[in-house]
Amino acid sequence: MRIAGTNIPDNKKIEYALPYIFGVGLSLSRKILVAARVNKSKRAKELAPDEVSRLREIIEKNYRIEGELRREILINVKRLKDIGTYRGNRHIRGLPVRGQRTKTNSRTRRGNVRKTMGSGRKSAASPT
């Protein structure tokens, strides 16, 4: 099954399959299922075509998802960079944006850059 350009896994319950769409989390997935009058314990492959069309209609009409949401996020970050805010500068430098500490943590954001003495050690095979 395909909704909003994303393949939905067939064997998962529809409640947990909808969050595969970018911009739809678990709580939004539950709200969508209530609005579409679909049983949340059904598997994705068990849905009737009319239920699928109701889900597709509700998601595409009422929520920003996938490409539209990614584009909006990109524009927001670009705006922060252009006006030179602190958050924009953190985005430019590739550092954590939301106030996290950087002395020890932030490996995910900076890459695995270790700035300590032992990080550049030579292997034991090289002559001393």
N, C-alpha and C. Protein backbone atom coordinates (compact mmCIF):
# COMPACT_ATOMS: atom_id res chain seq x y z
N MET A 1 0.85 -1.18 0.00
CA MET A 1 0.00 0.00 0.00
C MET A 1 0.89 1.25 0.00
N ARG A 2 0.46 2.26 -0.71
CA ARG A 2 1.24 3.47 -0.86
C ARG A 2 0.38 4.69 -0.51
N ILE A 3 0.85 5.46 0.47
CA ILE A 3 0.15 6.69 0.85
C ILE A 3 1.18 7.81 0.85
N ALA A 4 0.86 8.91 0.19
CA ALA A 4 1.71 10.11 0.16
C ALA A 4 3.12 9.80 -0.33
N GLY A 5 3.24 8.90 -1.28
CA GLY A 5 4.54 8.58 -1.86
C GLY A 5 5.41 7.71 -0.98
N THR A 6 4.85 7.10 0.05
CA THR A 6 5.60 6.24 0.96
C THR A 6 4.98 4.86 0.98
N ASN A 7 5.80 3.83 0.89
CA ASN A 7 5.30 2.46 1.00
C ASN A 7 5.02 2.16 2.47
N ILE A 8 3.82 1.72 2.74
CA ILE A 8 3.41 1.35 4.10
C ILE A 8 3.62 -0.14 4.26
N PRO A 9 4.32 -0.59 5.32
CA PRO A 9 4.53 -2.03 5.50
C PRO A 9 3.21 -2.77 5.70
N ASP A 10 3.05 -3.89 5.02
CA ASP A 10 1.79 -4.63 5.04
C ASP A 10 1.53 -5.37 6.34
N ASN A 11 2.56 -5.92 6.96
CA ASN A 11 2.35 -6.81 8.10
C ASN A 11 2.24 -6.09 9.43
N LYS A 12 2.45 -4.78 9.46
CA LYS A 12 2.32 -4.04 10.71
C LYS A 12 0.88 -3.58 10.90
N LYS A 13 0.50 -3.36 12.16
CA LYS A 13 -0.81 -2.77 12.43
C LYS A 13 -0.78 -1.36 11.87
N ILE A 14 -1.92 -0.92 11.36
CA ILE A 14 -1.99 0.37 10.66
C ILE A 14 -1.59 1.52 11.57
N GLU A 15 -1.85 1.38 12.87
CA GLU A 15 -1.48 2.40 13.85
C GLU A 15 0.03 2.64 13.84
N TYR A 16 0.81 1.57 13.67
CA TYR A 16 2.27 1.66 13.69
C TYR A 16 2.87 1.77 12.28
N ALA A 17 2.06 1.55 11.27
CA ALA A 17 2.55 1.63 9.90
C ALA A 17 2.48 3.07 9.37
N LEU A 18 1.49 3.83 9.80
CA LEU A 18 1.36 5.21 9.32
C LEU A 18 2.55 6.10 9.66
N PRO A 19 3.20 5.93 10.82
CA PRO A 19 4.37 6.78 11.11
C PRO A 19 5.56 6.59 10.16
N TYR A 20 5.48 5.65 9.23
CA TYR A 20 6.52 5.53 8.21
C TYR A 20 6.49 6.74 7.27
N ILE A 21 5.38 7.47 7.28
CA ILE A 21 5.26 8.68 6.47
C ILE A 21 5.95 9.80 7.22
N PHE A 22 6.82 10.56 6.55
CA PHE A 22 7.54 11.67 7.18
C PHE A 22 6.53 12.74 7.57
N GLY A 23 6.50 13.08 8.86
CA GLY A 23 5.57 14.10 9.34
C GLY A 23 4.39 13.51 10.09
N VAL A 24 4.29 12.18 10.14
CA VAL A 24 3.21 11.52 10.88
C VAL A 24 3.86 10.71 11.99
N GLY A 25 3.55 11.08 13.23
CA GLY A 25 4.04 10.34 14.38
C GLY A 25 2.95 9.42 14.91
N LEU A 26 3.20 8.82 16.05
CA LEU A 26 2.25 7.86 16.61
C LEU A 26 0.96 8.55 17.05
N SER A 27 1.07 9.71 17.71
CA SER A 27 -0.14 10.38 18.20
C SER A 27 -0.98 10.89 17.03
N LEU A 28 -0.33 11.43 16.00
CA LEU A 28 -1.06 11.90 14.82
C LEU A 28 -1.68 10.72 14.08
N SER A 29 -0.98 9.60 14.07
CA SER A 29 -1.50 8.39 13.44
C SER A 29 -2.82 7.97 14.10
N ARG A 30 -2.86 8.04 15.41
CA ARG A 30 -4.08 7.67 16.14
C ARG A 30 -5.22 8.63 15.85
N LYS A 31 -4.90 9.94 15.76
CA LYS A 31 -5.94 10.93 15.44
C LYS A 31 -6.50 10.69 14.03
N ILE A 32 -5.63 10.38 13.10
CA ILE A 32 -6.05 10.12 11.72
C ILE A 32 -6.97 8.91 11.66
N LEU A 33 -6.62 7.85 12.38
CA LEU A 33 -7.43 6.62 12.37
C LEU A 33 -8.82 6.87 12.98
N VAL A 34 -8.89 7.70 14.02
CA VAL A 34 -10.19 8.03 14.61
C VAL A 34 -11.01 8.83 13.61
N ALA A 35 -10.38 9.79 12.95
CA ALA A 35 -11.09 10.63 11.97
C ALA A 35 -11.57 9.82 10.77
N ALA A 36 -10.79 8.80 10.38
CA ALA A 36 -11.15 7.98 9.22
C ALA A 36 -12.04 6.81 9.59
N ARG A 37 -12.33 6.67 10.89
CA ARG A 37 -13.15 5.55 11.39
C ARG A 37 -12.56 4.20 10.95
N VAL A 38 -11.27 4.02 11.23
CA VAL A 38 -10.59 2.76 10.91
C VAL A 38 -10.14 2.13 12.22
N ASN A 39 -10.33 0.83 12.35
CA ASN A 39 -9.92 0.11 13.55
C ASN A 39 -8.40 0.08 13.61
N LYS A 40 -7.81 0.57 14.73
CA LYS A 40 -6.35 0.69 14.81
C LYS A 40 -5.65 -0.65 14.98
N SER A 41 -6.38 -1.71 15.30
CA SER A 41 -5.74 -3.01 15.47
C SER A 41 -5.65 -3.80 14.16
N LYS A 42 -6.25 -3.28 13.07
CA LYS A 42 -6.16 -3.95 11.77
C LYS A 42 -4.76 -3.85 11.21
N ARG A 43 -4.35 -4.86 10.49
CA ARG A 43 -3.07 -4.80 9.78
C ARG A 43 -3.27 -4.01 8.49
N ALA A 44 -2.19 -3.48 7.96
CA ALA A 44 -2.28 -2.62 6.77
C ALA A 44 -2.83 -3.40 5.57
N LYS A 45 -2.48 -4.67 5.46
CA LYS A 45 -2.94 -5.45 4.31
C LYS A 45 -4.42 -5.84 4.42
N GLU A 46 -5.00 -5.75 5.62
CA GLU A 46 -6.40 -6.11 5.83
C GLU A 46 -7.37 -4.96 5.54
N LEU A 47 -6.85 -3.77 5.26
CA LEU A 47 -7.71 -2.61 5.05
C LEU A 47 -8.47 -2.72 3.73
N ALA A 48 -9.71 -2.31 3.76
CA ALA A 48 -10.54 -2.28 2.54
C ALA A 48 -10.14 -1.07 1.71
N PRO A 49 -10.37 -1.12 0.41
CA PRO A 49 -9.99 0.01 -0.46
C PRO A 49 -10.64 1.34 -0.05
N ASP A 50 -11.88 1.31 0.44
CA ASP A 50 -12.51 2.56 0.86
C ASP A 50 -11.85 3.14 2.11
N GLU A 51 -11.38 2.26 3.02
CA GLU A 51 -10.66 2.73 4.21
C GLU A 51 -9.34 3.37 3.82
N VAL A 52 -8.65 2.75 2.86
CA VAL A 52 -7.38 3.29 2.39
C VAL A 52 -7.59 4.66 1.76
N SER A 53 -8.63 4.79 0.97
CA SER A 53 -8.90 6.07 0.31
C SER A 53 -9.28 7.14 1.33
N ARG A 54 -10.02 6.78 2.39
CA ARG A 54 -10.34 7.74 3.45
C ARG A 54 -9.08 8.20 4.16
N LEU A 55 -8.20 7.24 4.48
CA LEU A 55 -6.93 7.59 5.13
C LEU A 55 -6.12 8.54 4.25
N ARG A 56 -5.98 8.18 2.98
CA ARG A 56 -5.20 8.98 2.03
C ARG A 56 -5.77 10.39 1.93
N GLU A 57 -7.09 10.48 1.85
CA GLU A 57 -7.75 11.79 1.71
C GLU A 57 -7.51 12.66 2.93
N ILE A 58 -7.69 12.09 4.13
CA ILE A 58 -7.50 12.85 5.37
C ILE A 58 -6.06 13.33 5.51
N ILE A 59 -5.11 12.43 5.24
CA ILE A 59 -3.70 12.78 5.39
C ILE A 59 -3.29 13.87 4.42
N GLU A 60 -3.64 13.71 3.15
CA GLU A 60 -3.19 14.66 2.14
C GLU A 60 -3.91 16.00 2.22
N LYS A 61 -5.15 16.00 2.72
CA LYS A 61 -5.92 17.24 2.77
C LYS A 61 -5.57 18.08 4.00
N ASN A 62 -5.38 17.43 5.16
CA ASN A 62 -5.28 18.16 6.43
C ASN A 62 -3.88 18.36 6.98
N TYR A 63 -2.90 17.62 6.49
CA TYR A 63 -1.58 17.67 7.12
C TYR A 63 -0.48 17.91 6.10
N ARG A 64 0.58 18.62 6.55
CA ARG A 64 1.77 18.79 5.72
C ARG A 64 2.67 17.58 5.97
N ILE A 65 3.00 16.88 4.90
CA ILE A 65 3.82 15.67 5.05
C ILE A 65 4.83 15.59 3.92
N GLU A 66 5.77 14.67 4.07
CA GLU A 66 6.77 14.35 3.05
C GLU A 66 7.43 15.58 2.44
N GLY A 67 7.39 15.74 1.13
CA GLY A 67 8.14 16.77 0.43
C GLY A 67 7.79 18.18 0.85
N GLU A 68 6.51 18.44 1.04
CA GLU A 68 6.07 19.78 1.45
C GLU A 68 6.64 20.15 2.81
N LEU A 69 6.63 19.21 3.75
CA LEU A 69 7.15 19.45 5.10
C LEU A 69 8.67 19.61 5.07
N ARG A 70 9.37 18.76 4.32
CA ARG A 70 10.83 18.88 4.20
C ARG A 70 11.22 20.23 3.62
N ARG A 71 10.47 20.67 2.60
CA ARG A 71 10.75 21.96 1.96
C ARG A 71 10.55 23.10 2.96
N GLU A 72 9.48 23.02 3.76
CA GLU A 72 9.21 24.06 4.74
C GLU A 72 10.32 24.13 5.80
N ILE A 73 10.77 22.97 6.26
CA ILE A 73 11.86 22.93 7.25
C ILE A 73 13.13 23.53 6.66
N LEU A 74 13.43 23.17 5.41
CA LEU A 74 14.61 23.70 4.73
C LEU A 74 14.55 25.22 4.61
N ILE A 75 13.38 25.74 4.26
CA ILE A 75 13.20 27.20 4.14
C ILE A 75 13.38 27.88 5.49
N ASN A 76 12.84 27.27 6.56
CA ASN A 76 12.98 27.86 7.90
C ASN A 76 14.44 27.92 8.33
N VAL A 77 15.19 26.85 8.08
CA VAL A 77 16.61 26.82 8.45
C VAL A 77 17.38 27.84 7.62
N LYS A 78 17.06 27.93 6.33
CA LYS A 78 17.73 28.89 5.45
C LYS A 78 17.48 30.32 5.93
N ARG A 79 16.25 30.61 6.37
CA ARG A 79 15.91 31.93 6.90
C ARG A 79 16.75 32.26 8.12
N LEU A 80 16.90 31.29 9.03
CA LEU A 80 17.72 31.50 10.22
C LEU A 80 19.17 31.78 9.85
N LYS A 81 19.69 31.07 8.86
CA LYS A 81 21.06 31.28 8.41
C LYS A 81 21.22 32.67 7.80
N ASP A 82 20.25 33.08 6.97
CA ASP A 82 20.34 34.36 6.25
C ASP A 82 20.31 35.56 7.19
N ILE A 83 19.47 35.50 8.23
CA ILE A 83 19.38 36.66 9.12
C ILE A 83 20.44 36.62 10.21
N GLY A 84 21.25 35.57 10.23
CA GLY A 84 22.41 35.52 11.12
C GLY A 84 22.09 35.29 12.58
N THR A 85 21.06 34.54 12.86
CA THR A 85 20.73 34.25 14.26
C THR A 85 21.73 33.25 14.84
N TYR A 86 21.71 33.12 16.15
CA TYR A 86 22.56 32.16 16.84
C TYR A 86 22.26 30.75 16.34
N ARG A 87 20.96 30.42 16.26
CA ARG A 87 20.57 29.09 15.78
C ARG A 87 21.04 28.87 14.36
N GLY A 88 20.94 29.90 13.51
CA GLY A 88 21.41 29.78 12.14
C GLY A 88 22.90 29.52 12.07
N ASN A 89 23.67 30.21 12.91
CA ASN A 89 25.12 29.99 12.94
C ASN A 89 25.46 28.58 13.41
N ARG A 90 24.70 28.06 14.35
CA ARG A 90 24.93 26.68 14.81
C ARG A 90 24.65 25.70 13.66
N HIS A 91 23.62 25.96 12.86
CA HIS A 91 23.34 25.12 11.70
C HIS A 91 24.50 25.18 10.72
N ILE A 92 25.01 26.37 10.46
CA ILE A 92 26.11 26.55 9.51
C ILE A 92 27.34 25.77 9.97
N ARG A 93 27.66 25.85 11.26
CA ARG A 93 28.86 25.19 11.80
C ARG A 93 28.68 23.70 12.05
N GLY A 94 27.44 23.22 11.94
CA GLY A 94 27.19 21.79 12.16
C GLY A 94 27.27 21.39 13.62
N LEU A 95 26.85 22.29 14.50
CA LEU A 95 26.86 22.02 15.93
C LEU A 95 25.42 21.90 16.44
N PRO A 96 25.23 21.37 17.67
CA PRO A 96 23.87 21.27 18.21
C PRO A 96 23.21 22.64 18.30
N VAL A 97 21.93 22.70 17.97
CA VAL A 97 21.23 23.96 17.83
C VAL A 97 20.44 24.31 19.09
N ARG A 98 20.00 23.32 19.85
CA ARG A 98 19.03 23.57 20.91
C ARG A 98 19.61 23.59 22.31
N GLY A 99 20.83 24.08 22.46
CA GLY A 99 21.38 24.31 23.79
C GLY A 99 22.02 23.11 24.45
N GLN A 100 22.25 22.02 23.72
CA GLN A 100 22.89 20.87 24.33
C GLN A 100 24.36 21.18 24.62
N ARG A 101 24.94 20.45 25.57
CA ARG A 101 26.36 20.65 25.87
C ARG A 101 27.19 20.04 24.75
N THR A 102 28.36 20.63 24.51
CA THR A 102 29.20 20.14 23.42
C THR A 102 30.56 19.67 23.89
N LYS A 103 30.87 19.84 25.17
CA LYS A 103 32.19 19.42 25.64
C LYS A 103 32.36 17.91 25.52
N THR A 104 31.33 17.17 25.93
CA THR A 104 31.45 15.72 25.85
C THR A 104 30.50 15.10 24.84
N ASN A 105 29.27 15.56 24.82
CA ASN A 105 28.29 14.96 23.92
C ASN A 105 28.20 15.79 22.65
N SER A 106 27.59 15.31 21.65
CA SER A 106 27.35 15.94 20.35
C SER A 106 28.10 15.21 19.27
N ARG A 107 28.42 13.94 19.51
CA ARG A 107 29.10 13.14 18.49
C ARG A 107 28.23 13.00 17.24
N THR A 108 26.93 12.88 17.42
CA THR A 108 26.03 12.71 16.27
C THR A 108 26.09 13.93 15.37
N ARG A 109 26.04 15.09 15.95
CA ARG A 109 25.98 16.33 15.16
C ARG A 109 27.33 16.67 14.54
N ARG A 110 28.43 16.48 15.29
CA ARG A 110 29.75 16.86 14.79
C ARG A 110 30.41 15.75 14.00
N GLY A 111 29.83 14.56 13.99
CA GLY A 111 30.55 13.41 13.45
C GLY A 111 31.41 12.86 14.57
N ASN A 112 32.08 11.77 14.34
CA ASN A 112 32.85 11.17 15.43
C ASN A 112 34.23 11.83 15.53
N VAL A 113 34.23 13.12 15.84
CA VAL A 113 35.47 13.89 15.94
C VAL A 113 35.93 13.84 17.38
N ARG A 114 37.04 13.18 17.63
CA ARG A 114 37.56 13.10 19.00
C ARG A 114 38.74 14.05 19.10
N LYS A 115 38.64 14.99 20.03
CA LYS A 115 39.70 15.99 20.16
C LYS A 115 40.46 15.78 21.46
N THR A 116 41.03 14.58 21.64
CA THR A 116 41.78 14.28 22.85
C THR A 116 43.17 13.79 22.47
N MET A 117 44.03 13.63 23.45
CA MET A 117 45.42 13.23 23.21
C MET A 117 45.52 11.89 22.49
N GLY A 118 44.85 10.90 23.00
CA GLY A 118 45.05 9.54 22.51
C GLY A 118 44.38 9.24 21.18
N SER A 119 43.69 10.21 20.61
CA SER A 119 42.93 9.89 19.41
C SER A 119 43.81 9.73 18.18
N GLY A 120 44.98 10.37 18.17
CA GLY A 120 45.81 10.29 16.97
C GLY A 120 47.00 9.38 17.14
N ARG A 121 46.87 8.37 17.96
CA ARG A 121 47.99 7.49 18.26
C ARG A 121 48.37 6.64 17.06
N LYS A 122 49.66 6.38 16.93
CA LYS A 122 50.14 5.52 15.86
C LYS A 122 50.00 4.06 16.28
N SER A 123 49.91 3.19 15.31
CA SER A 123 49.79 1.77 15.66
C SER A 123 51.11 1.25 16.20
N ALA A 124 51.07 0.15 16.92
CA ALA A 124 52.27 -0.41 17.56
C ALA A 124 53.29 -0.91 16.54
N ALA A 125 52.89 -1.13 15.29
CA ALA A 125 53.78 -1.66 14.27
C ALA A 125 54.80 -0.63 13.79
N SER A 126 54.51 0.66 13.93
CA SER A 126 55.43 1.69 13.45
C SER A 126 56.61 1.85 14.40
N PRO A 127 57.82 2.13 13.87
CA PRO A 127 59.00 2.29 14.76
C PRO A 127 58.90 3.54 15.60
N THR A 128 59.53 3.48 16.79
CA THR A 128 59.49 4.63 17.70
C THR A 128 60.77 5.39 17.67
